[in-house]
Amino acid sequence: MTSEDGAAPGSDLHIDFVDGAVGFRRRSGEGRGGALARALGLAGIPEPEIVDATAGLGRDAFLLASLGARVTLIERNGRVRAALTDALARATEAGGDLAAIIARMTLLEGDAREVLPELNPKMVLVDPMHPERRKSALVKKQMRDLRDIVGADPDAHELIAVALKAATRRVVVKWPARAPLPEGLPRPSHTIAGKTTRYDVFVR
């Protein structure tokens, strides 16, 4: 989740769904056996409906849409939302399978804490701004640019709590592998862990 009034001056944010890391991820064929897809339980669901409550750079939403999911992205930061809108438009213009993927993505403006209850979502992905790493060199430039724009997410706990109330099937929280979740949240049903990131799954 991002913050309008927490933005700091920084370079313009450029999001690219055609080439770069996102394009490579799509071409590499990461399918429904990947960690994120497994966390959301996509196996056996022909056309899942997912809400990405923290759109950010849109990478996970794009991957999910490439796997056949219909994804609603929520982003409250104006600069990030403008960059996403531009990226979606350019990918649509590229045509072919890219345009088909983008057609399954819908970008909404607003604070996810207010929007989620109105959507009555089945599955929600929450990927708040993660606690800053001590070794900042490990964080890629685009993520540093995003952090410069949106700042921290002090209300991540509130958003996760809202998601847990709103979702009818499951909530997946993407979080650093070794970092504890914000205090006061229930224990996840299970966790899918990677080297640097884990997915805490809350089955409703």
Protein backbone atom coordinates (compact mmCIF):
# COMPACT_ATOMS: atom_id res chain seq x y z
CA MET A 1 0.00 0.00 0.00
CA THR A 2 1.30 3.45 -0.82
CA SER A 3 0.87 6.89 0.61
CA GLU A 4 0.03 10.14 -1.18
CA ASP A 5 1.38 12.45 1.49
CA GLY A 6 4.45 10.30 2.17
CA ALA A 7 5.93 10.89 -1.26
CA ALA A 8 9.45 12.20 -1.49
CA PRO A 9 11.15 13.80 -4.51
CA GLY A 10 12.72 11.20 -6.76
CA SER A 11 13.25 10.11 -10.33
CA ASP A 12 10.24 9.43 -12.52
CA LEU A 13 9.01 5.89 -12.08
CA HIS A 14 9.04 3.82 -15.27
CA ILE A 15 7.10 0.56 -15.38
CA ASP A 16 7.48 -1.78 -18.34
CA PHE A 17 5.36 -4.88 -18.94
CA VAL A 18 6.80 -5.47 -22.42
CA ASP A 19 10.49 -5.94 -21.75
CA GLY A 20 12.78 -5.95 -18.72
CA ALA A 21 12.32 -8.14 -15.65
CA VAL A 22 8.55 -8.48 -16.02
CA GLY A 23 8.79 -9.48 -19.67
CA PHE A 24 11.50 -12.00 -18.85
CA ARG A 25 9.41 -13.46 -16.05
CA ARG A 26 6.54 -14.00 -18.47
CA ARG A 27 8.72 -15.49 -21.21
CA SER A 28 10.50 -17.80 -18.76
CA GLY A 29 7.21 -19.66 -18.32
CA GLU A 30 6.68 -19.30 -14.56
CA GLY A 31 3.35 -21.07 -14.34
CA ARG A 32 0.80 -22.08 -11.76
CA GLY A 33 3.43 -24.12 -9.99
CA GLY A 34 5.22 -20.95 -8.88
CA ALA A 35 5.17 -19.84 -5.26
CA LEU A 36 2.68 -16.99 -5.73
CA ALA A 37 0.27 -19.11 -7.76
CA ARG A 38 0.45 -21.90 -5.18
CA ALA A 39 -0.11 -19.46 -2.34
CA LEU A 40 -3.29 -18.22 -4.01
CA GLY A 41 -4.43 -21.77 -4.73
CA LEU A 42 -4.85 -21.25 -8.47
CA ALA A 43 -4.67 -24.94 -9.36
CA GLY A 44 -8.02 -26.14 -10.63
CA ILE A 45 -9.53 -22.63 -10.94
CA PRO A 46 -9.94 -21.81 -14.67
CA GLU A 47 -10.31 -18.03 -14.33
CA PRO A 48 -9.49 -16.87 -10.78
CA GLU A 49 -10.59 -13.45 -9.58
CA ILE A 50 -7.95 -11.73 -7.46
CA VAL A 51 -7.62 -8.28 -5.93
CA ASP A 52 -4.09 -6.93 -5.66
CA ALA A 53 -4.59 -4.47 -2.80
CA THR A 54 -1.11 -2.96 -3.15
CA ALA A 55 -0.53 -2.61 -6.88
CA GLY A 56 2.86 -0.89 -6.71
CA LEU A 57 4.93 -1.83 -9.78
CA GLY A 58 2.24 -4.25 -10.93
CA ARG A 59 4.60 -7.19 -11.36
CA ASP A 60 2.66 -9.78 -9.41
CA ALA A 61 -0.65 -8.65 -10.91
CA PHE A 62 0.78 -8.98 -14.40
CA LEU A 63 2.11 -12.46 -13.66
CA LEU A 64 -1.28 -13.55 -12.30
CA ALA A 65 -3.06 -12.10 -15.33
CA SER A 66 -0.64 -13.98 -17.60
CA LEU A 67 -1.78 -17.17 -15.84
CA GLY A 68 -5.39 -16.45 -16.75
CA ALA A 69 -6.54 -14.62 -13.62
CA ARG A 70 -8.68 -11.51 -13.67
CA VAL A 71 -6.87 -9.05 -11.44
CA THR A 72 -8.16 -5.83 -9.90
CA LEU A 73 -5.29 -3.57 -8.86
CA ILE A 74 -5.76 -0.89 -6.21
CA GLU A 75 -3.25 1.96 -5.97
CA ARG A 76 -3.67 5.15 -3.96
CA ASN A 77 -0.47 6.97 -4.89
CA GLY A 78 -1.03 9.26 -7.86
CA ARG A 79 2.49 9.05 -9.29
CA VAL A 80 2.57 5.27 -9.11
CA ARG A 81 -0.91 5.03 -10.56
CA ALA A 82 0.09 7.27 -13.49
CA ALA A 83 3.13 5.07 -14.18
CA LEU A 84 0.96 1.96 -14.09
CA THR A 85 -1.62 3.51 -16.42
CA ASP A 86 1.12 4.37 -18.91
CA ALA A 87 2.62 0.87 -18.70
CA LEU A 88 -0.76 -0.78 -19.22
CA ALA A 89 -1.42 1.39 -22.26
CA ARG A 90 1.96 0.63 -23.85
CA ALA A 91 1.51 -3.11 -23.30
CA THR A 92 -1.96 -2.95 -24.85
CA GLU A 93 -0.53 -1.18 -27.89
CA ALA A 94 2.01 -3.99 -28.27
CA GLY A 95 -0.92 -6.24 -29.13
CA GLY A 96 -0.97 -10.03 -29.26
CA ASP A 97 -0.84 -12.00 -26.05
CA LEU A 98 0.32 -8.92 -24.14
CA ALA A 99 -2.89 -7.08 -24.97
CA ALA A 100 -4.89 -10.13 -23.88
CA ILE A 101 -3.08 -10.17 -20.53
CA ILE A 102 -3.65 -6.45 -19.94
CA ALA A 103 -7.35 -6.90 -20.75
CA ARG A 104 -7.58 -9.04 -17.61
CA MET A 105 -6.15 -6.24 -15.43
CA THR A 106 -8.27 -3.42 -14.00
CA LEU A 107 -6.62 -0.52 -12.16
CA LEU A 108 -8.62 1.28 -9.48
CA GLU A 109 -7.85 4.51 -7.65
CA GLY A 110 -8.23 4.64 -3.90
CA ASP A 111 -7.19 3.44 -0.48
CA ALA A 112 -7.54 -0.34 -0.39
CA ARG A 113 -8.82 -0.18 3.20
CA GLU A 114 -11.88 1.63 1.86
CA VAL A 115 -12.17 -0.07 -1.53
CA LEU A 116 -11.82 -3.73 -0.50
CA PRO A 117 -15.10 -4.01 1.46
CA GLU A 118 -16.98 -2.65 -1.55
CA LEU A 119 -15.52 -5.27 -3.89
CA ASN A 120 -16.47 -8.35 -1.87
CA PRO A 121 -13.30 -10.07 -3.13
CA LYS A 122 -12.71 -13.80 -3.24
CA MET A 123 -8.91 -13.65 -3.01
CA VAL A 124 -6.70 -10.76 -1.95
CA LEU A 125 -2.96 -10.28 -2.37
CA VAL A 126 -1.32 -7.82 0.02
CA ASP A 127 2.28 -6.78 -0.60
CA PRO A 128 2.97 -3.75 1.62
CA MET A 129 6.20 -1.82 1.48
CA HIS A 130 8.58 -4.16 3.26
CA PRO A 131 10.80 -3.11 6.17
CA GLU A 132 13.92 -1.48 4.79
CA ARG A 133 16.87 -3.83 4.52
CA ARG A 134 20.06 -2.96 6.34
CA LYS A 135 22.07 -3.70 3.21
CA SER A 136 20.32 -1.25 0.91
CA ALA A 137 22.51 -2.30 -2.03
CA LEU A 138 20.47 -5.51 -2.14
CA VAL A 139 17.37 -3.52 -3.07
CA LYS A 140 17.10 -2.92 -6.81
CA LYS A 141 16.95 0.65 -8.08
CA GLN A 142 13.32 0.52 -9.19
CA MET A 143 12.25 -0.60 -5.72
CA ARG A 144 14.33 2.18 -4.18
CA ASP A 145 12.61 4.66 -6.50
CA LEU A 146 9.23 3.30 -5.42
CA ARG A 147 10.14 3.65 -1.76
CA ASP A 148 11.29 7.24 -2.38
CA ILE A 149 7.88 8.03 -3.85
CA VAL A 150 5.57 6.26 -1.43
CA GLY A 151 7.55 6.10 1.79
CA ALA A 152 6.85 3.41 4.39
CA ASP A 153 3.52 1.69 5.00
CA PRO A 154 2.70 2.36 8.67
CA ASP A 155 -0.89 1.23 8.09
CA ALA A 156 0.00 -2.19 6.65
CA HIS A 157 -1.49 -3.87 9.72
CA GLU A 158 -4.82 -2.11 9.13
CA LEU A 159 -4.89 -3.13 5.47
CA ILE A 160 -4.19 -6.79 6.22
CA ALA A 161 -6.92 -6.77 8.88
CA VAL A 162 -9.40 -5.28 6.39
CA ALA A 163 -8.40 -7.85 3.76
CA LEU A 164 -8.98 -10.68 6.24
CA LYS A 165 -12.51 -9.43 6.86
CA ALA A 166 -13.33 -8.73 3.21
CA ALA A 167 -11.98 -11.82 1.43
CA THR A 168 -14.30 -14.81 1.09
CA ARG A 169 -11.64 -17.41 0.15
CA ARG A 170 -8.12 -16.43 1.08
CA VAL A 171 -5.65 -13.65 1.75
CA VAL A 172 -1.98 -13.89 0.81
CA VAL A 173 0.54 -11.55 2.41
CA LYS A 174 3.89 -11.21 0.65
CA TRP A 175 6.60 -10.47 3.21
CA PRO A 176 10.39 -10.76 3.74
CA ALA A 177 11.31 -14.36 4.51
CA ARG A 178 12.79 -13.68 7.95
CA ALA A 179 10.71 -10.73 9.11
CA PRO A 180 7.77 -11.16 11.51
CA LEU A 181 4.36 -9.98 10.38
CA PRO A 182 3.00 -6.80 12.02
CA GLU A 183 1.86 -7.51 15.56
CA GLY A 184 -1.72 -8.40 16.35
CA LEU A 185 -2.47 -10.46 13.26
CA PRO A 186 -3.64 -14.09 13.45
CA ARG A 187 -1.33 -16.92 12.52
CA PRO A 188 -1.46 -17.83 8.83
CA SER A 189 -3.00 -21.13 7.76
CA HIS A 190 0.32 -21.99 6.11
CA THR A 191 3.37 -20.36 4.58
CA ILE A 192 5.19 -20.81 1.28
CA ALA A 193 8.77 -19.64 1.72
CA GLY A 194 11.44 -18.64 -0.77
CA LYS A 195 15.02 -17.45 -0.34
CA THR A 196 14.19 -13.81 0.35
CA THR A 197 10.38 -13.68 0.28
CA ARG A 198 7.59 -15.72 1.79
CA TYR A 199 3.84 -15.88 1.27
CA ASP A 200 1.72 -16.11 4.41
CA VAL A 201 -1.60 -17.69 3.45
CA PHE A 202 -4.81 -17.09 5.38
CA VAL A 203 -7.58 -19.44 4.24
CA ARG A 204 -11.00 -18.06 5.09
